[in-house]
Protein backbone atom coordinates (compact mmCIF):
# COMPACT_ATOMS: atom_id res chain seq x y z
CA MET A 1 18.87 18.04 33.17
CA TRP A 2 16.03 16.18 33.00
CA ASN A 3 17.69 13.73 35.67
CA THR A 4 20.65 15.38 36.56
CA PRO A 5 22.39 12.48 39.48
CA SER A 6 22.16 13.32 43.06
CA GLN A 7 25.44 13.86 44.82
CA GLU A 8 24.98 10.93 46.85
CA HIS A 9 24.36 8.47 43.34
CA LEU A 10 27.50 10.11 41.79
CA ASP A 11 29.74 9.45 45.05
CA SER A 12 28.78 5.75 45.10
CA ILE A 13 30.43 5.47 41.35
CA PRO A 14 33.71 4.08 41.97
CA ARG A 15 36.90 6.49 41.55
CA LEU A 16 38.33 5.95 38.04
CA TYR A 17 41.28 3.09 38.25
CA ASP A 18 39.43 1.53 41.05
CA THR A 19 38.25 -1.52 39.34
CA GLU A 20 40.75 -2.09 36.56
CA HIS A 21 41.68 -5.39 38.14
CA ILE A 22 38.06 -6.18 36.88
CA PRO A 23 37.71 -7.27 33.83
CA THR A 24 35.91 -5.36 31.28
CA GLU A 25 32.72 -7.77 30.88
CA GLU A 26 32.58 -7.62 34.17
CA LYS A 27 32.38 -4.41 35.77
CA LEU A 28 29.33 -2.61 37.44
CA ILE A 29 27.33 -0.03 35.56
CA TYR A 30 26.07 3.00 37.56
CA LEU A 31 24.69 5.60 35.11
CA HIS A 32 23.30 5.07 31.54
CA PHE A 33 23.50 8.44 29.55
CA PHE A 34 21.97 8.57 26.44
CA LEU A 35 21.27 10.78 23.13
CA GLY A 36 20.27 10.14 20.37
CA GLY A 37 21.12 6.50 18.89
CA SER A 38 24.14 7.06 21.30
CA ASP A 39 24.17 5.27 24.67
CA TRP A 40 27.35 5.69 27.27
CA TYR A 41 27.10 3.40 30.31
CA ILE A 42 29.49 4.63 33.47
CA ALA A 43 31.57 2.50 35.30
CA GLU A 44 33.55 4.62 36.95
CA TYR A 45 33.72 8.61 38.30
CA ASN A 46 36.52 10.89 38.85
CA GLY A 47 34.47 13.01 41.53
CA ASP A 48 34.65 15.84 39.57
CA ASP A 49 33.59 15.65 35.72
CA LEU A 50 35.55 12.80 34.37
CA PHE A 51 33.69 9.43 34.07
CA PHE A 52 34.97 5.84 32.37
CA GLY A 53 32.46 3.49 30.77
CA PHE A 54 31.28 2.09 27.46
CA ALA A 55 30.63 4.03 24.75
CA ILE A 56 28.00 3.43 21.68
CA LEU A 57 28.05 6.29 19.55
CA ASN A 58 24.88 6.20 16.74
CA SER A 59 23.76 2.71 17.09
CA ASP A 60 27.43 1.56 15.83
CA TYR A 61 28.05 -1.52 18.22
CA GLU A 62 31.23 -2.65 15.61
CA MET A 63 33.28 0.06 16.76
CA ALA A 64 31.45 0.87 19.97
CA GLU A 65 34.50 0.88 23.25
CA TRP A 66 35.62 1.96 26.45
CA GLY A 67 36.59 5.11 27.08
CA TYR A 68 36.11 8.72 29.04
CA ILE A 69 33.70 10.87 28.67
CA SER A 70 33.25 14.49 30.48
CA PHE A 71 29.81 15.34 31.99
CA MET A 72 30.21 18.75 31.28
CA TYR A 73 30.87 18.26 27.35
CA TYR A 74 28.05 15.45 27.42
CA CYS A 75 25.51 18.46 28.67
CA PHE A 76 27.55 20.64 25.86
CA ILE A 77 26.10 18.42 23.23
CA GLY A 78 22.60 18.10 24.43
CA GLY A 79 22.31 15.12 26.50
CA SER A 80 19.64 15.55 29.34
CA LEU A 81 18.61 12.19 29.82
CA VAL A 82 20.40 9.71 32.56
CA LYS A 83 18.96 6.67 33.90
CA TYR A 84 20.45 5.17 36.89
CA VAL A 85 21.29 1.30 36.64
């Protein structure tokens, strides 16, 4: 992994459902994963492997949505770049 998030950085991300009272347009983004034309903006983390955030797959902004992504799966499909936000 080019820039693996440190445990300290991961610990600073709110846990899953901790920000569900915050409207999606006001959620803070803590990590940005990207691969090809796809982007994942991470807002929550379960402390193990699962992230919640906004996904734009293949630059398709019309079908972009909030959802979950496994960090292990992201690495499996070839994800290698992480940008700290």
